[in-house]
Amino acid sequence: MNYHGIKAIYFFEMNRTWRTIMQSIASPVLSTSLYFIVFGTAIGSRMVEIDGISYGAFIIPGLVMMTLLTQSVSNASFGIYFPKFSGTIYELLSAPVSYVEILLGYVGAAATKSVLVGVLILITARFFVEYQIEHPFWMVSFLLLTSVTFCLFGFIIGIWADGFEKLQLIPLMFITPLAFLGGSFYSINMLPPIWQTITLFNPVVYLISGFRWSFYGVSDVNVEISLAMTVLFLVICLFVVRWIFKTGYRLKM
């Protein structure tokens, strides 16, 4: 294992984050804070509890997960796309590093940034609403597992994209809508039966439900199913990445 290669890629990506800290860190935290103000304080004060939890506290796991998904995909996709765009990917592919080491460097840095944003959002939420974490181990586990999974997914998007427009296509057209419709701001048990069934085909439901369970011990879907779905998506992404490096699919512009 070439640890020096992994560290070089990892710290290069992290240094890029500190150079653009307002865009990479401050912007998503500020945006999520506005959700807390509007939904948690203004609207939440006029809504009844959901599953015995105040509305402001109920939406915290959903907001964290929604931000984590979009940030993980964006961080990883931009991280690998820029070497393709600038042409430096040729140097990377000719360097004495394997695809596993490349993946660890880029996905590790992207996941670190996403988890950092998630932790900052949890800290910020304390200023707006009281909440508790009943299962800290599983909260951290879901946070890390989801971040790594969607960073892998973002890495695949960055390889697939041949223009900046495509980098934004999946997050804007699919990830964000699925997060909104996946129970970020409500329990799917509040929906009519037919829509509850349809919603179960939304993979984000399982992520948000499992993450919310780690906070309050309540979930829309069995937590074991939530964990299994997350691991399944992780395994699928790993197989796709392996195929990309094995075939060289779109590794060069």
C-alpha atoms as a PDB file:
ATOM      1  CA  MET A   1       0.000   0.000   0.000  1.00  0.00           C
ATOM      2  CA  ASN A   2       1.415   3.370  -1.088  1.00  0.00           C
ATOM      3  CA  TYR A   3       0.542   5.475   1.946  1.00  0.00           C
ATOM      4  CA  HIS A   4       2.524   8.456   0.670  1.00  0.00           C
ATOM      5  CA  GLY A   5       0.391   8.508  -2.483  1.00  0.00           C
ATOM      6  CA  ILE A   6      -2.824   8.335  -0.484  1.00  0.00           C
ATOM      7  CA  LYS A   7      -1.675  11.152   1.823  1.00  0.00           C
ATOM      8  CA  ALA A   8      -0.626  13.324  -1.136  1.00  0.00           C
ATOM      9  CA  ILE A   9      -4.057  13.028  -2.774  1.00  0.00           C
ATOM     10  CA  TYR A  10      -5.900  13.394   0.520  1.00  0.00           C
ATOM     11  CA  PHE A  11      -4.094  16.516   1.719  1.00  0.00           C
ATOM     12  CA  PHE A  12      -4.217  18.103  -1.739  1.00  0.00           C
ATOM     13  CA  GLU A  13      -8.007  17.794  -1.692  1.00  0.00           C
ATOM     14  CA  MET A  14      -8.270  18.992   1.908  1.00  0.00           C
ATOM     15  CA  ASN A  15      -6.070  22.009   1.185  1.00  0.00           C
ATOM     16  CA  ARG A  16      -8.420  22.912  -1.670  1.00  0.00           C
ATOM     17  CA  THR A  17     -11.246  22.873   0.868  1.00  0.00           C
ATOM     18  CA  TRP A  18      -9.494  25.344   3.175  1.00  0.00           C
ATOM     19  CA  ARG A  19      -8.856  27.657   0.208  1.00  0.00           C
ATOM     20  CA  THR A  20     -12.584  27.674  -0.547  1.00  0.00           C
ATOM     21  CA  ILE A  21     -13.865  27.379   3.014  1.00  0.00           C
ATOM     22  CA  MET A  22     -16.779  29.793   2.482  1.00  0.00           C
ATOM     23  CA  GLN A  23     -18.125  27.689  -0.358  1.00  0.00           C
ATOM     24  CA  SER A  24     -17.176  24.267   1.000  1.00  0.00           C
ATOM     25  CA  ILE A  25     -18.032  24.628   4.688  1.00  0.00           C
ATOM     26  CA  ALA A  26     -19.731  27.910   5.563  1.00  0.00           C
ATOM     27  CA  SER A  27     -22.301  27.932   2.746  1.00  0.00           C
ATOM     28  CA  PRO A  28     -23.985  24.566   3.483  1.00  0.00           C
ATOM     29  CA  VAL A  29     -23.992  25.251   7.238  1.00  0.00           C
ATOM     30  CA  LEU A  30     -25.592  28.673   6.688  1.00  0.00           C
ATOM     31  CA  SER A  31     -28.158  27.242   4.267  1.00  0.00           C
ATOM     32  CA  THR A  32     -29.166  24.543   6.738  1.00  0.00           C
ATOM     33  CA  SER A  33     -29.399  27.127   9.525  1.00  0.00           C
ATOM     34  CA  LEU A  34     -32.003  28.938   7.457  1.00  0.00           C
ATOM     35  CA  TYR A  35     -34.015  25.708   7.317  1.00  0.00           C
ATOM     36  CA  PHE A  36     -33.893  25.531  11.111  1.00  0.00           C
ATOM     37  CA  ILE A  37     -35.112  29.119  11.378  1.00  0.00           C
ATOM     38  CA  VAL A  38     -37.949  28.732   8.868  1.00  0.00           C
ATOM     39  CA  PHE A  39     -39.092  25.155   9.508  1.00  0.00           C
ATOM     40  CA  GLY A  40     -37.918  24.548  13.050  1.00  0.00           C
ATOM     41  CA  THR A  41     -38.778  27.873  14.662  1.00  0.00           C
ATOM     42  CA  ALA A  42     -41.399  29.609  12.530  1.00  0.00           C
ATOM     43  CA  ILE A  43     -43.374  26.612  11.254  1.00  0.00           C
ATOM     44  CA  GLY A  44     -42.446  24.223  14.056  1.00  0.00           C
ATOM     45  CA  SER A  45     -44.011  26.461  16.693  1.00  0.00           C
ATOM     46  CA  ARG A  46     -47.373  25.988  14.942  1.00  0.00           C
ATOM     47  CA  MET A  47     -47.176  22.222  14.426  1.00  0.00           C
ATOM     48  CA  VAL A  48     -47.949  19.352  16.755  1.00  0.00           C
ATOM     49  CA  GLU A  49     -45.366  16.797  17.749  1.00  0.00           C
ATOM     50  CA  ILE A  50     -44.474  13.899  15.451  1.00  0.00           C
ATOM     51  CA  ASP A  51     -44.042  10.542  17.217  1.00  0.00           C
ATOM     52  CA  GLY A  52     -43.778  12.436  20.497  1.00  0.00           C
ATOM     53  CA  ILE A  53     -40.910  14.601  19.212  1.00  0.00           C
ATOM     54  CA  SER A  54     -41.123  18.353  18.701  1.00  0.00           C
ATOM     55  CA  TYR A  55     -41.145  19.275  15.026  1.00  0.00           C
ATOM     56  CA  GLY A  56     -37.948  21.326  15.305  1.00  0.00           C
ATOM     57  CA  ALA A  57     -36.070  18.355  16.760  1.00  0.00           C
ATOM     58  CA  PHE A  58     -37.738  15.879  14.386  1.00  0.00           C
ATOM     59  CA  ILE A  59     -36.341  17.516  11.244  1.00  0.00           C
ATOM     60  CA  ILE A  60     -32.717  17.675  12.462  1.00  0.00           C
ATOM     61  CA  PRO A  61     -31.704  14.165  11.251  1.00  0.00           C
ATOM     62  CA  GLY A  62     -33.438  14.789   7.918  1.00  0.00           C
ATOM     63  CA  LEU A  63     -31.690  18.113   7.376  1.00  0.00           C
ATOM     64  CA  VAL A  64     -28.296  16.687   8.317  1.00  0.00           C
ATOM     65  CA  MET A  65     -28.802  13.723   6.008  1.00  0.00           C
ATOM     66  CA  MET A  66     -30.048  15.894   3.136  1.00  0.00           C
ATOM     67  CA  THR A  67     -26.981  18.138   3.385  1.00  0.00           C
ATOM     68  CA  LEU A  68     -24.681  15.123   3.816  1.00  0.00           C
ATOM     69  CA  LEU A  69     -25.990  13.507   0.619  1.00  0.00           C
ATOM     70  CA  THR A  70     -25.618  16.600  -1.557  1.00  0.00           C
ATOM     71  CA  GLN A  71     -22.231  17.565  -0.115  1.00  0.00           C
ATOM     72  CA  SER A  72     -20.823  14.040  -0.419  1.00  0.00           C
ATOM     73  CA  VAL A  73     -21.827  13.777  -4.075  1.00  0.00           C
ATOM     74  CA  SER A  74     -20.603  17.282  -4.928  1.00  0.00           C
ATOM     75  CA  ASN A  75     -17.278  17.023  -3.080  1.00  0.00           C
ATOM     76  CA  ALA A  76     -16.324  13.693  -4.625  1.00  0.00           C
ATOM     77  CA  SER A  77     -17.537  14.478  -8.155  1.00  0.00           C
ATOM     78  CA  PHE A  78     -15.714  17.813  -8.362  1.00  0.00           C
ATOM     79  CA  GLY A  79     -12.607  16.294  -6.779  1.00  0.00           C
ATOM     80  CA  ILE A  80     -12.079  13.719  -9.535  1.00  0.00           C
ATOM     81  CA  TYR A  81     -13.532  15.799 -12.385  1.00  0.00           C
ATOM     82  CA  PHE A  82     -10.996  18.626 -12.118  1.00  0.00           C
ATOM     83  CA  PRO A  83      -7.961  16.380 -12.823  1.00  0.00           C
ATOM     84  CA  LYS A  84      -9.799  15.204 -15.950  1.00  0.00           C
ATOM     85  CA  PHE A  85     -10.655  18.774 -16.935  1.00  0.00           C
ATOM     86  CA  SER A  86      -7.133  20.119 -16.357  1.00  0.00           C
ATOM     87  CA  GLY A  87      -5.384  17.065 -17.796  1.00  0.00           C
ATOM     88  CA  THR A  88      -3.482  16.206 -14.612  1.00  0.00           C
ATOM     89  CA  ILE A  89      -5.266  12.869 -14.453  1.00  0.00           C
ATOM     90  CA  TYR A  90      -2.636  11.538 -16.892  1.00  0.00           C
ATOM     91  CA  GLU A  91       0.026  12.159 -14.239  1.00  0.00           C
ATOM     92  CA  LEU A  92      -2.167  10.474 -11.641  1.00  0.00           C
ATOM     93  CA  LEU A  93      -2.776   7.394 -13.778  1.00  0.00           C
ATOM     94  CA  SER A  94       0.929   7.069 -14.589  1.00  0.00           C
ATOM     95  CA  ALA A  95       2.003   7.475 -10.953  1.00  0.00           C
ATOM     96  CA  PRO A  96       2.892   4.386  -8.874  1.00  0.00           C
ATOM     97  CA  VAL A  97      -0.518   4.318  -7.146  1.00  0.00           C
ATOM     98  CA  SER A  98      -3.260   1.730  -7.584  1.00  0.00           C
ATOM     99  CA  TYR A  99      -6.914   2.543  -8.158  1.00  0.00           C
ATOM    100  CA  VAL A 100      -7.596   1.551  -4.537  1.00  0.00           C
ATOM    101  CA  GLU A 101      -5.116   4.167  -3.323  1.00  0.00           C
ATOM    102  CA  ILE A 102      -6.565   6.799  -5.671  1.00  0.00           C
ATOM    103  CA  LEU A 103     -10.023   5.962  -4.361  1.00  0.00           C
ATOM    104  CA  LEU A 104      -8.925   6.147  -0.724  1.00  0.00           C
ATOM    105  CA  GLY A 105      -7.350   9.561  -1.292  1.00  0.00           C
ATOM    106  CA  TYR A 106     -10.238  11.210  -3.132  1.00  0.00           C
ATOM    107  CA  VAL A 107     -13.151   9.527  -1.369  1.00  0.00           C
ATOM    108  CA  GLY A 108     -11.440   9.858   2.020  1.00  0.00           C
ATOM    109  CA  ALA A 109     -11.023  13.619   1.578  1.00  0.00           C
ATOM    110  CA  ALA A 110     -14.576  14.071   0.271  1.00  0.00           C
ATOM    111  CA  ALA A 111     -16.009  12.029   3.148  1.00  0.00           C
ATOM    112  CA  THR A 112     -13.979  14.026   5.677  1.00  0.00           C
ATOM    113  CA  LYS A 113     -15.400  17.279   4.326  1.00  0.00           C
ATOM    114  CA  SER A 114     -18.957  15.926   4.337  1.00  0.00           C
ATOM    115  CA  VAL A 115     -18.726  14.587   7.893  1.00  0.00           C
ATOM    116  CA  LEU A 116     -17.230  17.895   9.056  1.00  0.00           C
ATOM    117  CA  VAL A 117     -20.203  19.759   7.567  1.00  0.00           C
ATOM    118  CA  GLY A 118     -22.593  17.289   9.210  1.00  0.00           C
ATOM    119  CA  VAL A 119     -20.986  17.743  12.634  1.00  0.00           C
ATOM    120  CA  LEU A 120     -21.053  21.545  12.286  1.00  0.00           C
ATOM    121  CA  ILE A 121     -24.762  21.388  11.415  1.00  0.00           C
ATOM    122  CA  LEU A 122     -25.444  19.307  14.535  1.00  0.00           C
ATOM    123  CA  ILE A 123     -23.563  21.845  16.640  1.00  0.00           C
ATOM    124  CA  THR A 124     -25.422  24.724  14.971  1.00  0.00           C
ATOM    125  CA  ALA A 125     -28.774  23.016  15.591  1.00  0.00           C
ATOM    126  CA  ARG A 126     -28.184  23.335  19.344  1.00  0.00           C
ATOM    127  CA  PHE A 127     -28.647  27.083  19.018  1.00  0.00           C
ATOM    128  CA  PHE A 128     -32.150  26.619  17.597  1.00  0.00           C
ATOM    129  CA  VAL A 129     -33.666  23.527  19.192  1.00  0.00           C
ATOM    130  CA  GLU A 130     -33.002  20.932  21.886  1.00  0.00           C
ATOM    131  CA  TYR A 131     -32.390  17.378  20.707  1.00  0.00           C
ATOM    132  CA  GLN A 132     -30.965  14.134  22.005  1.00  0.00           C
ATOM    133  CA  ILE A 133     -28.970  11.239  20.567  1.00  0.00           C
ATOM    134  CA  GLU A 134     -30.129   7.932  22.053  1.00  0.00           C
ATOM    135  CA  HIS A 135     -27.715   5.770  20.071  1.00  0.00           C
ATOM    136  CA  PRO A 136     -24.450   7.726  19.535  1.00  0.00           C
ATOM    137  CA  PHE A 137     -22.586   4.730  18.085  1.00  0.00           C
ATOM    138  CA  TRP A 138     -25.206   4.122  15.426  1.00  0.00           C
ATOM    139  CA  MET A 139     -25.512   7.832  14.727  1.00  0.00           C
ATOM    140  CA  VAL A 140     -21.795   8.005  13.941  1.00  0.00           C
ATOM    141  CA  SER A 141     -22.012   4.737  12.001  1.00  0.00           C
ATOM    142  CA  PHE A 142     -24.850   5.965   9.785  1.00  0.00           C
ATOM    143  CA  LEU A 143     -23.088   9.306   9.336  1.00  0.00           C
ATOM    144  CA  LEU A 144     -19.824   7.700   8.191  1.00  0.00           C
ATOM    145  CA  LEU A 145     -21.434   4.935   6.137  1.00  0.00           C
ATOM    146  CA  THR A 146     -23.739   7.318   4.278  1.00  0.00           C
ATOM    147  CA  SER A 147     -20.944   9.792   3.666  1.00  0.00           C
ATOM    148  CA  VAL A 148     -18.572   7.174   2.231  1.00  0.00           C
ATOM    149  CA  THR A 149     -21.338   5.597   0.138  1.00  0.00           C
ATOM    150  CA  PHE A 150     -22.419   8.830  -1.501  1.00  0.00           C
ATOM    151  CA  CYS A 151     -18.833   9.998  -1.933  1.00  0.00           C
ATOM    152  CA  LEU A 152     -18.311   6.817  -3.955  1.00  0.00           C
ATOM    153  CA  PHE A 153     -21.455   7.657  -5.901  1.00  0.00           C
ATOM    154  CA  GLY A 154     -20.153  11.195  -6.472  1.00  0.00           C
ATOM    155  CA  PHE A 155     -16.799   9.776  -7.598  1.00  0.00           C
ATOM    156  CA  ILE A 156     -18.657   7.742 -10.230  1.00  0.00           C
ATOM    157  CA  ILE A 157     -20.541  10.856 -11.366  1.00  0.00           C
ATOM    158  CA  GLY A 158     -17.256  12.777 -11.645  1.00  0.00           C
ATOM    159  CA  ILE A 159     -15.833  10.054 -13.881  1.00  0.00           C
ATOM    160  CA  TRP A 160     -19.018   9.862 -15.973  1.00  0.00           C
ATOM    161  CA  ALA A 161     -19.427  13.625 -16.446  1.00  0.00           C
ATOM    162  CA  ASP A 162     -17.877  15.232 -19.501  1.00  0.00           C
ATOM    163  CA  GLY A 163     -18.963  18.762 -18.611  1.00  0.00           C
ATOM    164  CA  PHE A 164     -19.777  20.936 -15.592  1.00  0.00           C
ATOM    165  CA  GLU A 165     -23.493  20.724 -16.362  1.00  0.00           C
ATOM    166  CA  LYS A 166     -23.504  16.958 -15.810  1.00  0.00           C
ATOM    167  CA  LEU A 167     -21.803  17.386 -12.432  1.00  0.00           C
ATOM    168  CA  GLN A 168     -24.880  19.272 -11.225  1.00  0.00           C
ATOM    169  CA  LEU A 169     -27.449  17.162 -13.060  1.00  0.00           C
ATOM    170  CA  ILE A 170     -27.673  14.222 -10.638  1.00  0.00           C
ATOM    171  CA  PRO A 171     -27.576  16.257  -7.363  1.00  0.00           C
ATOM    172  CA  LEU A 172     -30.143  18.815  -8.559  1.00  0.00           C
ATOM    173  CA  MET A 173     -32.470  16.548 -10.519  1.00  0.00           C
ATOM    174  CA  PHE A 174     -32.366  13.432  -8.354  1.00  0.00           C
ATOM    175  CA  ILE A 175     -30.577  13.657  -4.982  1.00  0.00           C
ATOM    176  CA  THR A 176     -32.273  16.830  -3.673  1.00  0.00           C
ATOM    177  CA  PRO A 177     -35.832  15.855  -4.759  1.00  0.00           C
ATOM    178  CA  LEU A 178     -35.412  12.351  -3.327  1.00  0.00           C
ATOM    179  CA  ALA A 179     -34.189  13.865  -0.038  1.00  0.00           C
ATOM    180  CA  PHE A 180     -37.207  16.198   0.162  1.00  0.00           C
ATOM    181  CA  LEU A 181     -39.573  13.311  -0.631  1.00  0.00           C
ATOM    182  CA  GLY A 182     -37.742  10.871   1.639  1.00  0.00           C
ATOM    183  CA  GLY A 183     -39.074  12.104   4.966  1.00  0.00           C
ATOM    184  CA  SER A 184     -36.657  14.926   5.751  1.00  0.00           C
ATOM    185  CA  PHE A 185     -39.491  17.159   7.003  1.00  0.00           C
ATOM    186  CA  TYR A 186     -42.188  14.621   7.828  1.00  0.00           C
ATOM    187  CA  SER A 187     -42.864  11.008   8.728  1.00  0.00           C
ATOM    188  CA  ILE A 188     -43.956   8.851   5.804  1.00  0.00           C
ATOM    189  CA  ASN A 189     -46.608   7.408   8.159  1.00  0.00           C
ATOM    190  CA  MET A 190     -48.418  10.733   7.709  1.00  0.00           C
ATOM    191  CA  LEU A 191     -48.963   9.935   4.025  1.00  0.00           C
ATOM    192  CA  PRO A 192     -51.951   8.036   2.554  1.00  0.00           C
ATOM    193  CA  PRO A 193     -51.322   4.256   2.336  1.00  0.00           C
ATOM    194  CA  ILE A 194     -50.721   4.249  -1.428  1.00  0.00           C
ATOM    195  CA  TRP A 195     -48.086   6.994  -1.124  1.00  0.00           C
ATOM    196  CA  GLN A 196     -46.418   5.209   1.781  1.00  0.00           C
ATOM    197  CA  THR A 197     -45.926   2.204  -0.493  1.00  0.00           C
ATOM    198  CA  ILE A 198     -44.596   4.337  -3.344  1.00  0.00           C
ATOM    199  CA  THR A 199     -42.235   6.188  -0.999  1.00  0.00           C
ATOM    200  CA  LEU A 200     -40.584   2.914   0.028  1.00  0.00           C
ATOM    201  CA  PHE A 201     -39.056   2.773  -3.457  1.00  0.00           C
ATOM    202  CA  ASN A 202     -37.118   5.933  -2.586  1.00  0.00           C
ATOM    203  CA  PRO A 203     -33.688   4.771  -1.282  1.00  0.00           C
ATOM    204  CA  VAL A 204     -33.185   7.983   0.700  1.00  0.00           C
ATOM    205  CA  VAL A 205     -36.108   7.015   2.962  1.00  0.00           C
ATOM    206  CA  TYR A 206     -34.009   4.227   4.472  1.00  0.00           C
ATOM    207  CA  LEU A 207     -31.047   6.532   5.118  1.00  0.00           C
ATOM    208  CA  ILE A 208     -33.102   9.214   6.836  1.00  0.00           C
ATOM    209  CA  SER A 209     -35.200   6.714   8.782  1.00  0.00           C
ATOM    210  CA  GLY A 210     -32.157   4.888  10.148  1.00  0.00           C
ATOM    211  CA  PHE A 211     -30.404   8.127  11.023  1.00  0.00           C
ATOM    212  CA  ARG A 212     -33.515   9.462  12.810  1.00  0.00           C
ATOM    213  CA  TRP A 213     -33.768   6.230  14.783  1.00  0.00           C
ATOM    214  CA  SER A 214     -30.235   6.770  16.107  1.00  0.00           C
ATOM    215  CA  PHE A 215     -31.421  10.097  17.561  1.00  0.00           C
ATOM    216  CA  TYR A 216     -34.855   9.340  18.996  1.00  0.00           C
ATOM    217  CA  GLY A 217     -35.414   5.583  18.748  1.00  0.00           C
ATOM    218  CA  VAL A 218     -38.275   6.002  16.240  1.00  0.00           C
ATOM    219  CA  SER A 219     -38.195   5.244  12.535  1.00  0.00           C
ATOM    220  CA  ASP A 220     -40.468   4.810   9.543  1.00  0.00           C
ATOM    221  CA  VAL A 221     -38.595   1.699   8.412  1.00  0.00           C
ATOM    222  CA  ASN A 222     -36.980  -1.085  10.402  1.00  0.00           C
ATOM    223  CA  VAL A 223     -33.451   0.044  11.281  1.00  0.00           C
ATOM    224  CA  GLU A 224     -31.946  -3.264  10.147  1.00  0.00           C
ATOM    225  CA  ILE A 225     -33.478  -2.761   6.705  1.00  0.00           C
ATOM    226  CA  SER A 226     -32.129   0.806   6.643  1.00  0.00           C
ATOM    227  CA  LEU A 227     -28.629  -0.429   7.436  1.00  0.00           C
ATOM    228  CA  ALA A 228     -28.863  -3.252   4.883  1.00  0.00           C
ATOM    229  CA  MET A 229     -29.988  -0.870   2.107  1.00  0.00           C
ATOM    230  CA  THR A 230     -27.109   1.507   2.858  1.00  0.00           C
ATOM    231  CA  VAL A 231     -24.555  -1.325   2.776  1.00  0.00           C
ATOM    232  CA  LEU A 232     -26.085  -2.663  -0.454  1.00  0.00           C
ATOM    233  CA  PHE A 233     -25.708   0.713  -2.155  1.00  0.00           C
ATOM    234  CA  LEU A 234     -22.113   0.919  -0.890  1.00  0.00           C
ATOM    235  CA  VAL A 235     -21.284  -2.488  -2.366  1.00  0.00           C
ATOM    236  CA  ILE A 236     -22.885  -1.564  -5.711  1.00  0.00           C
ATOM    237  CA  CYS A 237     -20.827   1.644  -5.878  1.00  0.00           C
ATOM    238  CA  LEU A 238     -17.625  -0.293  -5.103  1.00  0.00           C
ATOM    239  CA  PHE A 239     -18.313  -2.738  -7.929  1.00  0.00           C
ATOM    240  CA  VAL A 240     -19.005   0.123 -10.358  1.00  0.00           C
ATOM    241  CA  VAL A 241     -15.770   1.910  -9.392  1.00  0.00           C
ATOM    242  CA  ARG A 242     -13.814  -1.319  -9.809  1.00  0.00           C
ATOM    243  CA  TRP A 243     -15.311  -1.756 -13.281  1.00  0.00           C
ATOM    244  CA  ILE A 244     -14.432   1.853 -14.216  1.00  0.00           C
ATOM    245  CA  PHE A 245     -10.745   1.405 -13.362  1.00  0.00           C
ATOM    246  CA  LYS A 246     -10.625  -2.040 -14.906  1.00  0.00           C
ATOM    247  CA  THR A 247     -12.034  -0.832 -18.251  1.00  0.00           C
ATOM    248  CA  GLY A 248     -10.726   2.763 -18.161  1.00  0.00           C
ATOM    249  CA  TYR A 249     -14.243   4.085 -18.758  1.00  0.00           C
ATOM    250  CA  ARG A 250     -14.105   7.872 -19.241  1.00  0.00           C
ATOM    251  CA  LEU A 251     -10.988   8.262 -17.127  1.00  0.00           C
ATOM    252  CA  LYS A 252      -9.734  10.702 -19.748  1.00  0.00           C
ATOM    253  CA  MET A 253     -11.577  13.624 -21.302  1.00  0.00           C
END
